[in-house]
Amino acid sequence: MRRLTVGLAAVVVLVAVLRRLEAAVVVAPSANASVEAAGENRYPLLVNGGIRYQQVYAASEFSALTGPELITQITFRPDGPAGGPFTQTISNVQVSLSTTSAAPNGLDTTFANNPGPDNTVTYSGPITISSADAPGPGNTRAFDVAINLQTPFLYDPANGNLLLDVLNSDPGNHIIGVFLDAAVGYSDPVSRIVGWEGAPGATSGIASTMGLVTQFTTSPSVIPEPSILVVWSLLAALGVGCGWWRRTEVRTVAPALPLVRSTTAMSASFQHSAAGSATRGSTASSSPTRP
């Protein structure tokens, strides 16, 4: 029973390690993970002449994270009623992430006052975004308007809220009649500051309770080394398995024949064998010799 308990503990530890290695996804607002949000918007990507845009996400939306995680991808989804399939190439986009003390519906209208000290440029350059406008969970569309970060951002919800800062400097017109899903409400966990469309160099913007519904893909900040406990647990589990196999094998082998017989039986057997040998010897001596 003790070996079985140790083996089960080893399995639990191994499963925990493997889960720690898996990528995770966080949707903010989480209330809209499978529910279409009430609004729609095309900022900051599908605009004419570029734009400056900041959006804040409450740290509470990342409660599923067990500690610091690397954000590796940011994804939006088309709006249900006002979305559609599309492909657009934007010539110059800069995406930054930081940990901020500014709260949802509490962003400063001056862009420079909102980023935290760990502000990191996670993407810079041209980007092609697209959507198949495929069905998502519930009444939503699938998250497929993706920005794969060139530099992952290490985010720890315990240190503050998350700020997304987008500088779209493309001078072209990307207004195509497609909108992205957006949450609207003073009590929701997102809000934004939007500059003037066509003026990406603006230093300030207008506050809004709206915010794009966003999916973040994260991965562990450090791949855990196999600890002594894990190795020992795995060896213990192997020992339990081997012990169980050996016991099963012993039970399935036929019982061995007795190795020692009684003295009387052995004596009788010896006398009978000697007599047989003598008879065979006599018969052999009377037989003609083979050439």
Protein backbone atom coordinates (compact mmCIF):
# COMPACT_ATOMS: atom_id res chain seq x y z
CA MET A 1 0.00 0.00 0.00
CA ARG A 2 2.86 2.36 0.79
CA ARG A 3 4.45 1.77 -2.62
CA LEU A 4 1.12 2.39 -4.30
CA THR A 5 0.76 5.71 -2.47
CA VAL A 6 4.26 6.78 -3.48
CA GLY A 7 3.57 5.78 -7.05
CA LEU A 8 0.38 7.81 -7.18
CA ALA A 9 2.24 10.80 -5.74
CA ALA A 10 4.84 10.44 -8.48
CA VAL A 11 2.14 10.47 -11.13
CA VAL A 12 0.60 13.61 -9.63
CA VAL A 13 3.97 15.38 -9.61
CA LEU A 14 4.69 14.37 -13.20
CA VAL A 15 1.29 15.58 -14.42
CA ALA A 16 1.84 18.92 -12.65
CA VAL A 17 5.23 19.35 -14.35
CA LEU A 18 3.81 18.54 -17.78
CA ARG A 19 0.92 20.96 -17.31
CA ARG A 20 3.40 23.65 -16.31
CA LEU A 21 5.06 23.23 -19.70
CA GLU A 22 1.84 23.76 -21.65
CA ALA A 23 0.90 27.06 -23.25
CA ALA A 24 -2.16 28.74 -21.74
CA VAL A 25 -4.70 31.19 -23.11
CA VAL A 26 -6.40 34.05 -21.27
CA VAL A 27 -9.40 35.94 -22.64
CA ALA A 28 -10.08 39.43 -21.37
CA PRO A 29 -12.76 40.27 -20.50
CA SER A 30 -13.18 36.67 -19.33
CA ALA A 31 -16.96 37.16 -19.27
CA ASN A 32 -16.81 37.35 -23.07
CA ALA A 33 -14.77 34.18 -23.64
CA SER A 34 -17.82 32.51 -25.22
CA VAL A 35 -20.27 35.43 -25.27
CA GLU A 36 -20.36 38.11 -27.95
CA ALA A 37 -19.54 41.51 -26.47
CA ALA A 38 -21.89 44.47 -26.83
CA GLY A 39 -19.68 46.66 -29.02
CA GLU A 40 -17.52 46.65 -32.12
CA ASN A 41 -14.54 48.70 -33.26
CA ARG A 42 -11.81 48.86 -35.91
CA TYR A 43 -9.08 50.63 -33.86
CA PRO A 44 -6.09 50.33 -33.81
CA LEU A 45 -5.46 48.21 -36.93
CA LEU A 46 -8.19 48.84 -39.53
CA VAL A 47 -7.78 52.60 -39.75
CA ASN A 48 -6.92 55.31 -42.27
CA GLY A 49 -3.56 57.04 -41.83
CA GLY A 50 -2.43 55.33 -38.62
CA ILE A 51 -3.30 55.91 -34.95
CA ARG A 52 -1.94 55.75 -31.38
CA TYR A 53 -3.89 53.45 -29.08
CA GLN A 54 -3.60 52.18 -25.49
CA GLN A 55 -5.77 49.59 -23.76
CA VAL A 56 -5.53 48.40 -20.16
CA TYR A 57 -6.55 45.00 -18.80
CA ALA A 58 -7.23 44.35 -15.11
CA ALA A 59 -4.75 41.97 -13.48
CA SER A 60 -7.71 40.00 -12.11
CA GLU A 61 -8.38 38.75 -15.64
CA PHE A 62 -5.15 36.76 -15.41
CA SER A 63 -6.02 34.88 -12.23
CA ALA A 64 -5.50 31.55 -14.04
CA LEU A 65 -1.76 32.22 -14.16
CA THR A 66 0.15 30.73 -11.24
CA GLY A 67 2.97 33.26 -11.49
CA PRO A 68 4.95 35.24 -14.06
CA GLU A 69 4.26 34.07 -17.61
CA LEU A 70 5.59 35.05 -21.03
CA ILE A 71 2.95 36.55 -23.31
CA THR A 72 3.81 35.25 -26.79
CA GLN A 73 0.74 36.13 -28.85
CA ILE A 74 -2.08 38.69 -28.86
CA THR A 75 -5.24 37.79 -30.78
CA PHE A 76 -8.48 39.59 -31.55
CA ARG A 77 -11.67 38.28 -33.14
CA PRO A 78 -14.15 39.66 -35.67
CA ASP A 79 -17.39 41.08 -34.39
CA GLY A 80 -20.35 38.76 -34.90
CA PRO A 81 -22.79 41.07 -36.69
CA ALA A 82 -20.20 43.50 -38.14
CA GLY A 83 -17.22 41.25 -38.86
CA GLY A 84 -16.19 39.26 -41.88
CA PRO A 85 -13.22 37.54 -43.52
CA PHE A 86 -10.33 39.79 -44.51
CA THR A 87 -6.59 40.10 -45.08
CA GLN A 88 -4.66 43.33 -44.64
CA THR A 89 -0.96 44.16 -44.60
CA ILE A 90 -0.01 47.09 -42.40
CA SER A 91 3.37 48.58 -43.30
CA ASN A 92 4.54 49.72 -39.86
CA VAL A 93 3.18 48.73 -36.45
CA GLN A 94 4.80 48.90 -33.03
CA VAL A 95 3.24 46.91 -30.20
CA SER A 96 4.44 47.42 -26.63
CA LEU A 97 3.40 45.80 -23.36
CA SER A 98 4.02 46.89 -19.79
CA THR A 99 2.83 46.47 -16.25
CA THR A 100 0.95 49.57 -15.18
CA SER A 101 -0.59 50.96 -12.01
CA ALA A 102 -3.31 52.61 -14.10
CA ALA A 103 -6.66 50.92 -13.65
CA PRO A 104 -9.41 50.27 -16.19
CA ASN A 105 -11.28 53.54 -16.69
CA GLY A 106 -8.35 55.24 -15.00
CA LEU A 107 -5.89 55.74 -17.85
CA ASP A 108 -4.31 59.17 -18.22
CA THR A 109 -5.21 60.89 -21.48
CA THR A 110 -1.49 61.61 -22.00
CA PHE A 111 -0.02 58.45 -23.52
CA ALA A 112 3.40 58.83 -21.91
CA ASN A 113 1.94 58.70 -18.39
CA ASN A 114 0.49 55.20 -18.67
CA PRO A 115 3.28 52.68 -19.49
CA GLY A 116 5.08 51.01 -16.59
CA PRO A 117 8.86 50.83 -16.01
CA ASP A 118 9.04 47.41 -17.71
CA ASN A 119 7.66 48.78 -20.99
CA THR A 120 8.82 46.44 -23.78
CA VAL A 121 8.53 46.71 -27.55
CA THR A 122 7.23 43.25 -28.40
CA TYR A 123 6.61 43.75 -32.12
CA SER A 124 7.87 46.26 -34.65
CA GLY A 125 7.58 46.35 -38.44
CA PRO A 126 5.13 45.33 -41.13
CA ILE A 127 2.45 42.80 -40.32
CA THR A 128 -0.21 40.91 -42.20
CA ILE A 129 -3.40 40.31 -40.25
CA SER A 130 -6.32 38.21 -41.40
CA SER A 131 -9.47 36.45 -40.33
CA ALA A 132 -11.49 33.56 -41.71
CA ASP A 133 -14.47 34.78 -39.67
CA ALA A 134 -14.99 31.22 -38.44
CA PRO A 135 -17.42 30.32 -35.65
CA GLY A 136 -16.05 30.43 -32.11
CA PRO A 137 -17.45 29.14 -28.83
CA GLY A 138 -20.99 30.15 -27.95
CA ASN A 139 -22.25 32.95 -30.18
CA THR A 140 -18.77 34.37 -30.87
CA ARG A 141 -16.35 34.28 -33.79
CA ALA A 142 -12.98 32.55 -33.49
CA PHE A 143 -9.88 34.41 -32.28
CA ASP A 144 -7.71 34.53 -35.41
CA VAL A 145 -6.58 38.15 -35.91
CA ALA A 146 -3.17 37.34 -34.50
CA ILE A 147 -0.04 39.27 -33.60
CA ASN A 148 2.82 36.85 -32.91
CA LEU A 149 5.20 38.76 -30.69
CA GLN A 150 8.82 39.00 -31.77
CA THR A 151 9.83 39.54 -28.14
CA PRO A 152 7.66 37.80 -25.53
CA PHE A 153 6.69 39.92 -22.53
CA LEU A 154 7.10 38.62 -18.99
CA TYR A 155 3.94 39.52 -17.11
CA ASP A 156 3.18 38.95 -13.44
CA PRO A 157 -0.41 39.88 -12.49
CA ALA A 158 0.73 40.35 -8.89
CA ASN A 159 2.67 43.45 -9.97
CA GLY A 160 -0.17 45.37 -11.61
CA ASN A 161 -2.46 45.65 -14.63
CA LEU A 162 -1.42 44.99 -18.22
CA LEU A 163 -1.10 47.84 -20.72
CA LEU A 164 -1.23 47.31 -24.49
CA ASP A 165 0.29 50.21 -26.43
CA VAL A 166 -0.07 50.23 -30.23
CA LEU A 167 1.53 52.76 -32.57
CA ASN A 168 0.15 52.22 -36.07
CA SER A 169 2.19 54.40 -38.45
CA ASP A 170 0.85 53.07 -41.75
CA PRO A 171 -0.28 56.05 -43.86
CA GLY A 172 -2.57 53.91 -46.00
CA ASN A 173 -6.31 53.38 -45.80
CA HIS A 174 -7.35 50.09 -44.15
CA ILE A 175 -11.00 50.91 -43.55
CA ILE A 176 -12.66 47.89 -45.14
CA GLY A 177 -16.03 47.74 -43.39
CA VAL A 178 -14.92 45.00 -40.97
CA PHE A 179 -15.06 45.50 -37.21
CA LEU A 180 -13.58 43.65 -34.25
CA ASP A 181 -15.49 42.51 -31.17
CA ALA A 182 -15.31 45.02 -28.30
CA ALA A 183 -16.60 45.21 -24.75
CA VAL A 184 -18.38 48.32 -23.57
CA GLY A 185 -19.17 49.23 -19.97
CA TYR A 186 -17.81 51.21 -17.08
CA SER A 187 -17.62 48.17 -14.81
CA ASP A 188 -15.82 45.84 -17.22
CA PRO A 189 -12.09 45.10 -16.76
CA VAL A 190 -10.85 46.93 -19.88
CA SER A 191 -10.71 50.50 -21.15
CA ARG A 192 -8.67 52.57 -23.59
CA ILE A 193 -7.18 55.86 -24.73
CA VAL A 194 -7.54 56.57 -28.47
CA GLY A 195 -5.63 59.19 -30.42
CA TRP A 196 -6.86 60.90 -33.54
CA GLU A 197 -7.13 58.72 -36.61
CA GLY A 198 -4.56 59.80 -39.18
CA ALA A 199 -2.31 61.30 -36.47
CA PRO A 200 -0.13 58.48 -35.10
CA GLY A 201 2.24 61.03 -33.55
CA ALA A 202 -0.42 62.36 -31.17
CA THR A 203 0.74 62.63 -27.55
CA SER A 204 -2.71 62.43 -26.00
CA GLY A 205 -6.10 60.92 -26.75
CA ILE A 206 -9.68 60.47 -25.64
CA ALA A 207 -10.64 58.10 -22.83
CA SER A 208 -13.22 55.42 -23.52
CA THR A 209 -14.74 52.55 -21.51
CA MET A 210 -14.58 50.39 -24.64
CA GLY A 211 -11.90 47.76 -25.18
CA LEU A 212 -11.24 45.00 -27.72
CA VAL A 213 -11.96 41.49 -26.51
CA THR A 214 -8.47 39.99 -26.49
CA GLN A 215 -6.94 36.55 -26.20
CA PHE A 216 -3.41 36.28 -24.78
CA THR A 217 -1.31 33.17 -25.29
CA THR A 218 1.25 32.59 -22.55
CA SER A 219 4.01 30.12 -21.79
CA PRO A 220 6.14 29.41 -18.71
CA SER A 221 8.84 31.98 -18.06
CA VAL A 222 11.28 29.21 -17.05
CA ILE A 223 11.12 25.56 -18.09
CA PRO A 224 11.40 23.73 -14.77
CA GLU A 225 14.36 21.41 -14.26
CA PRO A 226 13.50 17.90 -13.11
CA SER A 227 14.04 18.13 -9.35
CA ILE A 228 15.34 15.38 -7.09
CA LEU A 229 11.78 14.90 -5.84
CA VAL A 230 10.46 14.37 -9.35
CA VAL A 231 13.24 11.94 -10.25
CA TRP A 232 12.83 10.07 -6.99
CA SER A 233 9.08 9.92 -7.46
CA LEU A 234 9.45 8.54 -10.98
CA LEU A 235 11.89 5.90 -9.75
CA ALA A 236 9.47 5.03 -6.97
CA ALA A 237 6.67 4.69 -9.48
CA LEU A 238 8.90 2.42 -11.60
CA GLY A 239 9.64 0.34 -8.52
CA VAL A 240 5.95 -0.01 -7.78
CA GLY A 241 5.32 -1.15 -11.35
CA CYS A 242 8.18 -3.68 -11.28
CA GLY A 243 7.09 -5.00 -7.90
CA TRP A 244 3.53 -5.45 -9.11
CA TRP A 245 4.77 -7.23 -12.26
CA ARG A 246 6.99 -9.60 -10.28
CA ARG A 247 4.19 -10.48 -7.87
CA THR A 248 1.88 -11.12 -10.80
CA GLU A 249 4.49 -13.29 -12.51
CA VAL A 250 5.01 -15.39 -9.36
CA ARG A 251 1.30 -15.97 -9.02
CA THR A 252 1.01 -17.24 -12.60
CA VAL A 253 3.93 -19.76 -12.47
CA ALA A 254 2.95 -23.38 -11.68
CA PRO A 255 4.07 -24.61 -8.24
CA ALA A 256 7.47 -26.35 -8.32
CA LEU A 257 7.76 -30.10 -7.70
CA PRO A 258 9.25 -31.14 -4.33
CA LEU A 259 13.04 -31.47 -4.51
CA VAL A 260 13.53 -34.00 -1.65
CA ARG A 261 11.88 -37.36 -1.38
CA SER A 262 11.75 -39.64 1.61
CA THR A 263 14.76 -41.85 2.47
CA THR A 264 12.78 -45.08 1.96
CA ALA A 265 11.63 -44.02 -1.51
CA MET A 266 15.16 -42.98 -2.53
CA SER A 267 16.59 -46.36 -1.29
CA ALA A 268 13.99 -48.36 -3.20
CA SER A 269 14.60 -46.36 -6.33
CA PHE A 270 18.38 -46.92 -6.06
CA GLN A 271 18.01 -50.71 -5.62
CA HIS A 272 15.67 -50.89 -8.62
CA SER A 273 18.10 -48.88 -10.72
CA ALA A 274 21.05 -51.10 -9.76
CA ALA A 275 19.16 -54.25 -10.61
CA GLY A 276 18.17 -52.85 -13.97
CA SER A 277 21.78 -51.94 -14.72
CA ALA A 278 22.99 -55.44 -13.89
CA THR A 279 20.42 -57.10 -16.13
CA ARG A 280 21.27 -54.75 -19.01
CA GLY A 281 24.96 -55.57 -18.47
CA SER A 282 24.38 -59.34 -18.64
CA THR A 283 22.35 -59.03 -21.78
CA ALA A 284 24.95 -56.84 -23.39
CA SER A 285 27.79 -59.38 -22.64
CA SER A 286 25.88 -62.27 -24.28
CA SER A 287 25.19 -60.30 -27.43
CA PRO A 288 27.56 -60.54 -30.40
CA THR A 289 29.99 -57.70 -30.73
CA ARG A 290 29.21 -55.17 -33.48
CA PRO A 291 31.88 -54.85 -36.15
